[in-house]
PDB file of N, CA and C in Angstrom:
ATOM      1  N   MET A   1     -11.787 -59.092  33.592  1.00  0.00           N
ATOM      2  CA  MET A   1     -11.887 -58.377  34.401  1.00  0.00           C
ATOM      3  C   MET A   1     -10.653 -57.772  35.847  1.00  0.00           C
ATOM      4  N   LEU A   2      -9.934 -58.748  35.875  1.00  0.00           N
ATOM      5  CA  LEU A   2      -8.987 -58.243  36.682  1.00  0.00           C
ATOM      6  C   LEU A   2      -8.374 -57.107  36.421  1.00  0.00           C
ATOM      7  N   ARG A   3      -7.755 -56.908  34.861  1.00  0.00           N
ATOM      8  CA  ARG A   3      -7.078 -55.681  34.338  1.00  0.00           C
ATOM      9  C   ARG A   3      -7.971 -54.499  34.567  1.00  0.00           C
ATOM     10  N   SER A   4      -9.305 -54.642  34.670  1.00  0.00           N
ATOM     11  CA  SER A   4      -9.888 -53.498  34.630  1.00  0.00           C
ATOM     12  C   SER A   4      -9.952 -53.027  36.410  1.00  0.00           C
ATOM     13  N   LEU A   5     -10.281 -54.078  37.270  1.00  0.00           N
ATOM     14  CA  LEU A   5      -9.641 -53.435  38.390  1.00  0.00           C
ATOM     15  C   LEU A   5      -8.899 -53.346  38.840  1.00  0.00           C
ATOM     16  N   LEU A   6      -7.620 -53.641  38.409  1.00  0.00           N
ATOM     17  CA  LEU A   6      -6.293 -53.112  38.420  1.00  0.00           C
ATOM     18  C   LEU A   6      -6.306 -51.688  38.170  1.00  0.00           C
ATOM     19  N   MET A   7      -6.557 -51.774  36.563  1.00  0.00           N
ATOM     20  CA  MET A   7      -6.885 -50.043  36.229  1.00  0.00           C
ATOM     21  C   MET A   7      -7.222 -48.593  36.777  1.00  0.00           C
ATOM     22  N   SER A   8      -8.564 -49.680  37.789  1.00  0.00           N
ATOM     23  CA  SER A   8      -9.033 -48.313  38.454  1.00  0.00           C
ATOM     24  C   SER A   8      -8.652 -48.217  39.435  1.00  0.00           C
ATOM     25  N   ALA A   9      -7.911 -49.259  40.384  1.00  0.00           N
ATOM     26  CA  ALA A   9      -7.347 -49.061  41.459  1.00  0.00           C
ATOM     27  C   ALA A   9      -6.100 -48.057  41.236  1.00  0.00           C
ATOM     28  N   ILE A  10      -5.312 -48.366  40.167  1.00  0.00           N
ATOM     29  CA  ILE A  10      -4.753 -47.227  39.597  1.00  0.00           C
ATOM     30  C   ILE A  10      -4.858 -45.678  39.727  1.00  0.00           C
ATOM     31  N   LEU A  11      -6.493 -45.629  38.965  1.00  0.00           N
ATOM     32  CA  LEU A  11      -6.610 -44.460  38.857  1.00  0.00           C
ATOM     33  C   LEU A  11      -6.959 -43.638  39.923  1.00  0.00           C
ATOM     34  N   ILE A  12      -7.893 -44.549  40.547  1.00  0.00           N
ATOM     35  CA  ILE A  12      -7.919 -43.976  41.986  1.00  0.00           C
ATOM     36  C   ILE A  12      -6.958 -43.535  42.837  1.00  0.00           C
ATOM     37  N   ALA A  13      -5.884 -44.023  42.876  1.00  0.00           N
ATOM     38  CA  ALA A  13      -4.752 -43.691  43.831  1.00  0.00           C
ATOM     39  C   ALA A  13      -4.006 -42.570  43.333  1.00  0.00           C
ATOM     40  N   GLY A  14      -4.303 -42.418  41.631  1.00  0.00           N
ATOM     41  CA  GLY A  14      -3.170 -41.154  41.197  1.00  0.00           C
ATOM     42  C   GLY A  14      -3.969 -40.301  41.459  1.00  0.00           C
ATOM     43  N   SER A  15      -5.275 -40.395  41.534  1.00  0.00           N
ATOM     44  CA  SER A  15      -6.384 -38.884  41.693  1.00  0.00           C
ATOM     45  C   SER A  15      -6.247 -38.713  43.180  1.00  0.00           C
ATOM     46  N   GLY A  16      -6.069 -39.750  44.384  1.00  0.00           N
ATOM     47  CA  GLY A  16      -5.881 -39.286  45.532  1.00  0.00           C
ATOM     48  C   GLY A  16      -4.518 -38.865  45.670  1.00  0.00           C
ATOM     49  N   PHE A  17      -3.389 -39.056  45.177  1.00  0.00           N
ATOM     50  CA  PHE A  17      -2.547 -38.246  45.657  1.00  0.00           C
ATOM     51  C   PHE A  17      -2.086 -36.705  44.779  1.00  0.00           C
ATOM     52  N   PHE A  18      -2.853 -36.777  43.619  1.00  0.00           N
ATOM     53  CA  PHE A  18      -3.201 -35.806  42.828  1.00  0.00           C
ATOM     54  C   PHE A  18      -3.653 -34.332  43.591  1.00  0.00           C
ATOM     55  N   VAL A  19      -4.509 -34.623  44.356  1.00  0.00           N
ATOM     56  CA  VAL A  19      -5.733 -34.272  45.302  1.00  0.00           C
ATOM     57  C   VAL A  19      -4.893 -33.832  46.452  1.00  0.00           C
ATOM     58  N   ALA A  20      -3.917 -34.589  47.053  1.00  0.00           N
ATOM     59  CA  ALA A  20      -3.200 -34.636  48.087  1.00  0.00           C
ATOM     60  C   ALA A  20      -2.284 -33.329  47.844  1.00  0.00           C
ATOM     61  N   ARG A  21      -1.621 -33.560  46.834  1.00  0.00           N
ATOM     62  CA  ARG A  21      -0.391 -32.674  46.564  1.00  0.00           C
ATOM     63  C   ARG A  21      -1.048 -31.086  46.014  1.00  0.00           C
ATOM     64  N   MET A  22      -2.328 -30.712  45.583  1.00  0.00           N
ATOM     65  CA  MET A  22      -2.808 -29.506  45.553  1.00  0.00           C
ATOM     66  C   MET A  22      -2.773 -29.177  46.900  1.00  0.00           C
ATOM     67  N   ALA A  23      -3.390 -29.953  48.097  1.00  0.00           N
ATOM     68  CA  ALA A  23      -3.953 -29.340  48.947  1.00  0.00           C
ATOM     69  C   ALA A  23      -3.123 -28.906  49.841  1.00  0.00           C
ATOM     70  N   THR A  24      -1.524 -29.308  49.227  1.00  0.00           N
ATOM     71  CA  THR A  24      -0.327 -28.662  50.418  1.00  0.00           C
ATOM     72  C   THR A  24       0.214 -27.376  49.516  1.00  0.00           C
ATOM     73  N   ALA A  25      -0.162 -26.860  47.753  1.00  0.00           N
ATOM     74  CA  ALA A  25       0.481 -26.593  47.471  1.00  0.00           C
ATOM     75  C   ALA A  25       0.314 -25.110  48.483  1.00  0.00           C
ATOM     76  N   GLU A  26       1.334 -23.898  48.302  1.00  0.00           N
ATOM     77  CA  GLU A  26       1.501 -22.908  48.940  1.00  0.00           C
ATOM     78  C   GLU A  26       0.622 -22.235  47.651  1.00  0.00           C
ATOM     79  N   PRO A  27      -0.056 -20.850  48.030  1.00  0.00           N
ATOM     80  CA  PRO A  27      -0.311 -19.770  47.101  1.00  0.00           C
ATOM     81  C   PRO A  27       0.571 -19.069  46.496  1.00  0.00           C
ATOM     82  N   ALA A  28       0.805 -18.147  45.460  1.00  0.00           N
ATOM     83  CA  ALA A  28       1.483 -17.241  45.209  1.00  0.00           C
ATOM     84  C   ALA A  28       1.740 -16.283  45.821  1.00  0.00           C
ATOM     85  N   LYS A  29       2.732 -15.888  46.530  1.00  0.00           N
ATOM     86  CA  LYS A  29       3.143 -15.107  47.796  1.00  0.00           C
ATOM     87  C   LYS A  29       2.449 -13.557  47.056  1.00  0.00           C
ATOM     88  N   ASP A  30       2.538 -12.626  46.777  1.00  0.00           N
ATOM     89  CA  ASP A  30       1.621 -11.119  46.485  1.00  0.00           C
ATOM     90  C   ASP A  30       0.542 -11.340  45.696  1.00  0.00           C
ATOM     91  N   ALA A  31       0.004 -12.819  45.096  1.00  0.00           N
ATOM     92  CA  ALA A  31      -1.218 -12.725  44.454  1.00  0.00           C
ATOM     93  C   ALA A  31      -2.529 -12.414  45.612  1.00  0.00           C
ATOM     94  N   PRO A  32      -3.422 -11.514  44.742  1.00  0.00           N
ATOM     95  CA  PRO A  32      -4.396 -11.492  45.862  1.00  0.00           C
ATOM     96  C   PRO A  32      -5.367 -12.381  45.975  1.00  0.00           C
ATOM     97  N   THR A  33      -5.753 -12.763  47.264  1.00  0.00           N
ATOM     98  CA  THR A  33      -6.723 -14.063  48.089  1.00  0.00           C
ATOM     99  C   THR A  33      -7.848 -13.083  48.848  1.00  0.00           C
ATOM    100  N   THR A  34      -8.596 -13.958  48.452  1.00  0.00           N
ATOM    101  CA  THR A  34     -10.294 -14.032  49.469  1.00  0.00           C
ATOM    102  C   THR A  34      -9.976 -13.789  50.922  1.00  0.00           C
ATOM    103  N   ALA A  35     -10.398 -12.770  51.459  1.00  0.00           N
ATOM    104  CA  ALA A  35     -10.363 -12.385  52.770  1.00  0.00           C
ATOM    105  C   ALA A  35     -11.688 -12.069  53.411  1.00  0.00           C
ATOM    106  N   PRO A  36     -12.076 -13.599  53.654  1.00  0.00           N
ATOM    107  CA  PRO A  36     -13.919 -13.381  54.427  1.00  0.00           C
ATOM    108  C   PRO A  36     -14.129 -12.480  55.455  1.00  0.00           C
ATOM    109  N   SER A  37     -13.148 -12.462  56.474  1.00  0.00           N
ATOM    110  CA  SER A  37     -13.590 -11.680  57.445  1.00  0.00           C
ATOM    111  C   SER A  37     -13.084 -10.799  58.354  1.00  0.00           C
ATOM    112  N   THR A  38     -12.452 -10.166  57.877  1.00  0.00           N
ATOM    113  CA  THR A  38     -11.593  -8.564  58.402  1.00  0.00           C
ATOM    114  C   THR A  38     -11.950  -7.633  57.504  1.00  0.00           C
ATOM    115  N   GLN A  39     -12.014  -6.702  58.611  1.00  0.00           N
ATOM    116  CA  GLN A  39     -12.319  -4.901  58.349  1.00  0.00           C
ATOM    117  C   GLN A  39     -11.545  -4.935  57.095  1.00  0.00           C
ATOM    118  N   PRO A  40     -12.057  -4.408  55.922  1.00  0.00           N
ATOM    119  CA  PRO A  40     -11.119  -3.509  54.859  1.00  0.00           C
ATOM    120  C   PRO A  40     -10.410  -2.067  55.279  1.00  0.00           C
ATOM    121  N   ALA A  41      -9.087  -1.907  54.558  1.00  0.00           N
ATOM    122  CA  ALA A  41      -8.524  -1.213  55.528  1.00  0.00           C
ATOM    123  C   ALA A  41      -8.771   0.372  54.423  1.00  0.00           C
ATOM    124  N   ASN A  42      -9.627   0.316  53.625  1.00  0.00           N
ATOM    125  CA  ASN A  42     -10.045   1.194  53.134  1.00  0.00           C
ATOM    126  C   ASN A  42     -11.799   1.277  53.009  1.00  0.00           C
ATOM    127  N   LYS A  43     -11.765   2.568  53.038  1.00  0.00           N
ATOM    128  CA  LYS A  43     -13.588   3.359  52.955  1.00  0.00           C
ATOM    129  C   LYS A  43     -14.320   3.172  51.395  1.00  0.00           C
ATOM    130  N   MET A  44     -13.606   3.693  50.754  1.00  0.00           N
ATOM    131  CA  MET A  44     -14.040   3.643  49.622  1.00  0.00           C
ATOM    132  C   MET A  44     -13.144   2.512  48.605  1.00  0.00           C
ATOM    133  N   CYS A  45     -14.021   2.404  47.542  1.00  0.00           N
ATOM    134  CA  CYS A  45     -13.705   0.992  46.751  1.00  0.00           C
ATOM    135  C   CYS A  45     -12.106   1.766  45.822  1.00  0.00           C
ATOM    136  N   ALA A  46     -11.450   0.450  45.694  1.00  0.00           N
ATOM    137  CA  ALA A  46      -9.795   0.550  45.454  1.00  0.00           C
ATOM    138  C   ALA A  46      -9.896   0.778  43.966  1.00  0.00           C
ATOM    139  N   VAL A  47     -10.819   0.581  43.470  1.00  0.00           N
ATOM    140  CA  VAL A  47     -10.607   0.446  41.718  1.00  0.00           C
ATOM    141  C   VAL A  47     -11.848   1.621  41.535  1.00  0.00           C
ATOM    142  N   MET A  48     -12.974   1.743  41.873  1.00  0.00           N
ATOM    143  CA  MET A  48     -13.911   3.166  41.592  1.00  0.00           C
ATOM    144  C   MET A  48     -14.223   3.907  43.002  1.00  0.00           C
ATOM    145  N   PRO A  49     -12.866   4.787  43.160  1.00  0.00           N
ATOM    146  CA  PRO A  49     -12.773   5.596  44.283  1.00  0.00           C
ATOM    147  C   PRO A  49     -14.189   6.574  44.744  1.00  0.00           C
ATOM    148  N   ASP A  50     -14.795   6.405  44.026  1.00  0.00           N
ATOM    149  CA  ASP A  50     -16.190   7.253  44.335  1.00  0.00           C
ATOM    150  C   ASP A  50     -17.224   6.709  45.026  1.00  0.00           C
ATOM    151  N   ASP A  51     -17.097   5.297  44.856  1.00  0.00           N
ATOM    152  CA  ASP A  51     -18.310   4.034  45.715  1.00  0.00           C
ATOM    153  C   ASP A  51     -17.705   3.492  46.638  1.00  0.00           C
ATOM    154  N   ALA A  52     -18.564   3.561  47.749  1.00  0.00           N
ATOM    155  CA  ALA A  52     -18.439   2.996  49.068  1.00  0.00           C
ATOM    156  C   ALA A  52     -18.037   1.310  49.106  1.00  0.00           C
ATOM    157  N   VAL A  53     -17.010   0.969  49.833  1.00  0.00           N
ATOM    158  CA  VAL A  53     -16.699  -0.688  49.728  1.00  0.00           C
ATOM    159  C   VAL A  53     -18.070  -1.469  50.996  1.00  0.00           C
ATOM    160  N   ASP A  54     -18.078  -2.484  49.461  1.00  0.00           N
ATOM    161  CA  ASP A  54     -19.039  -3.235  50.530  1.00  0.00           C
ATOM    162  C   ASP A  54     -17.616  -4.421  51.489  1.00  0.00           C
ATOM    163  N   PRO A  55     -18.486  -4.444  52.872  1.00  0.00           N
ATOM    164  CA  PRO A  55     -17.434  -5.074  53.627  1.00  0.00           C
ATOM    165  C   PRO A  55     -17.251  -6.628  53.075  1.00  0.00           C
ATOM    166  N   LYS A  56     -18.562  -7.150  52.433  1.00  0.00           N
ATOM    167  CA  LYS A  56     -18.117  -8.562  51.993  1.00  0.00           C
ATOM    168  C   LYS A  56     -17.509  -8.896  50.924  1.00  0.00           C
ATOM    169  N   VAL A  57     -17.129  -8.014  49.975  1.00  0.00           N
ATOM    170  CA  VAL A  57     -16.433  -7.908  49.138  1.00  0.00           C
ATOM    171  C   VAL A  57     -15.116  -7.525  49.141  1.00  0.00           C
ATOM    172  N   THR A  58     -13.843  -8.512  49.485  1.00  0.00           N
ATOM    173  CA  THR A  58     -12.541  -8.149  50.197  1.00  0.00           C
ATOM    174  C   THR A  58     -11.766  -8.931  49.133  1.00  0.00           C
ATOM    175  N   VAL A  59     -10.515  -8.729  49.310  1.00  0.00           N
ATOM    176  CA  VAL A  59      -9.093  -9.434  49.032  1.00  0.00           C
ATOM    177  C   VAL A  59      -8.169  -9.728  50.011  1.00  0.00           C
ATOM    178  N   ALA A  60      -7.217 -10.381  50.386  1.00  0.00           N
ATOM    179  CA  ALA A  60      -6.105 -10.100  50.962  1.00  0.00           C
ATOM    180  C   ALA A  60      -4.558  -9.590  50.317  1.00  0.00           C
ATOM    181  N   TYR A  61      -4.062  -8.857  50.484  1.00  0.00           N
ATOM    182  CA  TYR A  61      -2.996  -8.532  49.493  1.00  0.00           C
ATOM    183  C   TYR A  61      -1.704  -7.717  50.153  1.00  0.00           C
ATOM    184  N   LYS A  62      -0.433  -8.618  50.272  1.00  0.00           N
ATOM    185  CA  LYS A  62       0.600  -8.013  51.322  1.00  0.00           C
ATOM    186  C   LYS A  62       0.015  -7.458  52.571  1.00  0.00           C
ATOM    187  N   GLY A  63      -0.651  -8.760  53.234  1.00  0.00           N
ATOM    188  CA  GLY A  63      -0.993  -8.188  54.506  1.00  0.00           C
ATOM    189  C   GLY A  63      -2.138  -7.683  54.797  1.00  0.00           C
ATOM    190  N   LYS A  64      -2.954  -6.859  53.885  1.00  0.00           N
ATOM    191  CA  LYS A  64      -3.845  -5.845  54.430  1.00  0.00           C
ATOM    192  C   LYS A  64      -5.398  -6.336  53.648  1.00  0.00           C
ATOM    193  N   THR A  65      -6.405  -5.926  54.049  1.00  0.00           N
ATOM    194  CA  THR A  65      -7.610  -6.402  53.363  1.00  0.00           C
ATOM    195  C   THR A  65      -8.426  -5.196  53.247  1.00  0.00           C
ATOM    196  N   ILE A  66      -7.961  -5.174  51.649  1.00  0.00           N
ATOM    197  CA  ILE A  66      -8.754  -4.622  50.108  1.00  0.00           C
ATOM    198  C   ILE A  66      -9.927  -4.574  49.918  1.00  0.00           C
ATOM    199  N   GLY A  67     -10.736  -3.503  50.722  1.00  0.00           N
ATOM    200  CA  GLY A  67     -12.471  -3.808  49.956  1.00  0.00           C
ATOM    201  C   GLY A  67     -12.386  -2.885  48.858  1.00  0.00           C
ATOM    202  N   PHE A  68     -13.987  -3.412  48.183  1.00  0.00           N
ATOM    203  CA  PHE A  68     -14.198  -3.011  46.804  1.00  0.00           C
ATOM    204  C   PHE A  68     -15.746  -3.052  46.707  1.00  0.00           C
ATOM    205  N   CYS A  69     -16.462  -2.098  45.858  1.00  0.00           N
ATOM    206  CA  CYS A  69     -18.221  -2.047  46.031  1.00  0.00           C
ATOM    207  C   CYS A  69     -18.673  -3.330  45.058  1.00  0.00           C
ATOM    208  N   CYS A  70     -17.468  -3.516  44.605  1.00  0.00           N
ATOM    209  CA  CYS A  70     -18.694  -5.172  43.600  1.00  0.00           C
ATOM    210  C   CYS A  70     -17.239  -5.872  43.465  1.00  0.00           C
ATOM    211  N   LYS A  71     -17.919  -7.097  43.109  1.00  0.00           N
ATOM    212  CA  LYS A  71     -17.044  -7.985  42.637  1.00  0.00           C
ATOM    213  C   LYS A  71     -16.145  -8.148  41.043  1.00  0.00           C
ATOM    214  N   ASP A  72     -16.916  -7.074  40.185  1.00  0.00           N
ATOM    215  CA  ASP A  72     -16.166  -6.759  39.362  1.00  0.00           C
ATOM    216  C   ASP A  72     -15.318  -5.775  39.457  1.00  0.00           C
ATOM    217  N   CYS A  73     -14.869  -5.092  40.325  1.00  0.00           N
ATOM    218  CA  CYS A  73     -14.019  -4.045  40.705  1.00  0.00           C
ATOM    219  C   CYS A  73     -12.640  -5.518  40.793  1.00  0.00           C
ATOM    220  N   ILE A  74     -12.893  -6.391  41.595  1.00  0.00           N
ATOM    221  CA  ILE A  74     -11.971  -7.210  42.154  1.00  0.00           C
ATOM    222  C   ILE A  74     -11.257  -7.788  40.705  1.00  0.00           C
ATOM    223  N   LYS A  75     -11.898  -8.160  39.682  1.00  0.00           N
ATOM    224  CA  LYS A  75     -11.170  -8.436  38.276  1.00  0.00           C
ATOM    225  C   LYS A  75      -9.800  -7.920  38.060  1.00  0.00           C
ATOM    226  N   ASP A  76     -10.664  -6.375  37.844  1.00  0.00           N
ATOM    227  CA  ASP A  76      -9.821  -5.127  37.495  1.00  0.00           C
ATOM    228  C   ASP A  76      -8.407  -4.971  38.711  1.00  0.00           C
ATOM    229  N   PHE A  77      -8.840  -5.322  39.788  1.00  0.00           N
ATOM    230  CA  PHE A  77      -7.430  -5.021  40.870  1.00  0.00           C
ATOM    231  C   PHE A  77      -6.485  -6.540  40.746  1.00  0.00           C
ATOM    232  N   GLU A  78      -6.977  -7.549  40.125  1.00  0.00           N
ATOM    233  CA  GLU A  78      -6.331  -8.552  40.157  1.00  0.00           C
ATOM    234  C   GLU A  78      -4.924  -8.193  38.887  1.00  0.00           C
ATOM    235  N   LYS A  79      -5.266  -7.456  37.643  1.00  0.00           N
ATOM    236  CA  LYS A  79      -4.658  -7.362  36.608  1.00  0.00           C
ATOM    237  C   LYS A  79      -3.529  -6.635  37.144  1.00  0.00           C
ATOM    238  N   ASP A  80      -3.580  -5.237  37.689  1.00  0.00           N
ATOM    239  CA  ASP A  80      -2.538  -4.332  38.264  1.00  0.00           C
ATOM    240  C   ASP A  80      -2.624  -3.904  39.731  1.00  0.00           C
ATOM    241  N   PRO A  81      -2.568  -4.933  40.622  1.00  0.00           N
ATOM    242  CA  PRO A  81      -3.097  -4.361  42.509  1.00  0.00           C
ATOM    243  C   PRO A  81      -2.069  -3.193  42.850  1.00  0.00           C
ATOM    244  N   GLU A  82      -1.150  -3.023  41.948  1.00  0.00           N
ATOM    245  CA  GLU A  82      -0.265  -1.603  42.736  1.00  0.00           C
ATOM    246  C   GLU A  82      -0.814  -0.778  42.181  1.00  0.00           C
ATOM    247  N   LYS A  83      -1.224  -0.328  40.957  1.00  0.00           N
ATOM    248  CA  LYS A  83      -1.787   0.516  40.503  1.00  0.00           C
ATOM    249  C   LYS A  83      -3.110   0.926  41.055  1.00  0.00           C
ATOM    250  N   TYR A  84      -4.092   0.669  41.801  1.00  0.00           N
ATOM    251  CA  TYR A  84      -4.930   0.727  42.417  1.00  0.00           C
ATOM    252  C   TYR A  84      -4.796   0.878  44.263  1.00  0.00           C
ATOM    253  N   VAL A  85      -3.820   0.274  44.709  1.00  0.00           N
ATOM    254  CA  VAL A  85      -3.267   0.301  45.999  1.00  0.00           C
ATOM    255  C   VAL A  85      -2.520   1.720  46.498  1.00  0.00           C
ATOM    256  N   LYS A  86      -2.157   2.214  45.197  1.00  0.00           N
ATOM    257  CA  LYS A  86      -1.640   3.684  45.511  1.00  0.00           C
ATOM    258  C   LYS A  86      -2.406   4.873  45.803  1.00  0.00           C
ATOM    259  N   ASN A  87      -3.722   4.455  44.926  1.00  0.00           N
ATOM    260  CA  ASN A  87      -5.009   5.483  45.255  1.00  0.00           C
ATOM    261  C   ASN A  87      -6.143   5.493  46.233  1.00  0.00           C
ATOM    262  N   MET A  88      -5.790   4.227  47.393  1.00  0.00           N
ATOM    263  CA  MET A  88      -6.959   3.971  47.895  1.00  0.00           C
ATOM    264  C   MET A  88      -6.868   5.342  48.866  1.00  0.00           C
ATOM    265  N   LYS A  89      -8.429   5.168  49.367  1.00  0.00           N
ATOM    266  CA  LYS A  89      -8.563   5.992  50.279  1.00  0.00           C
ATOM    267  C   LYS A  89      -9.451   5.308  51.627  1.00  0.00           C
TER     268      LYS A  89
END
């Protein structure tokens, strides 16, 4: 009984340490991240330039909010952001 209690306490303490460590980790620098509240810098989708931007579908990239027509375009953008940033309107 005491052994089970000790193992449970160790497991809970270890989990708490892991969660605290992950909360303080810094995101990668140039990696796109979601940007919920700012207006996109572009009017047309960065991946599909013939489609208008949905202001709710954005990511932050190098200090700018980039807009997209749909969430699927974000996946393509994340694979090669520089390719799409060059052609933004």
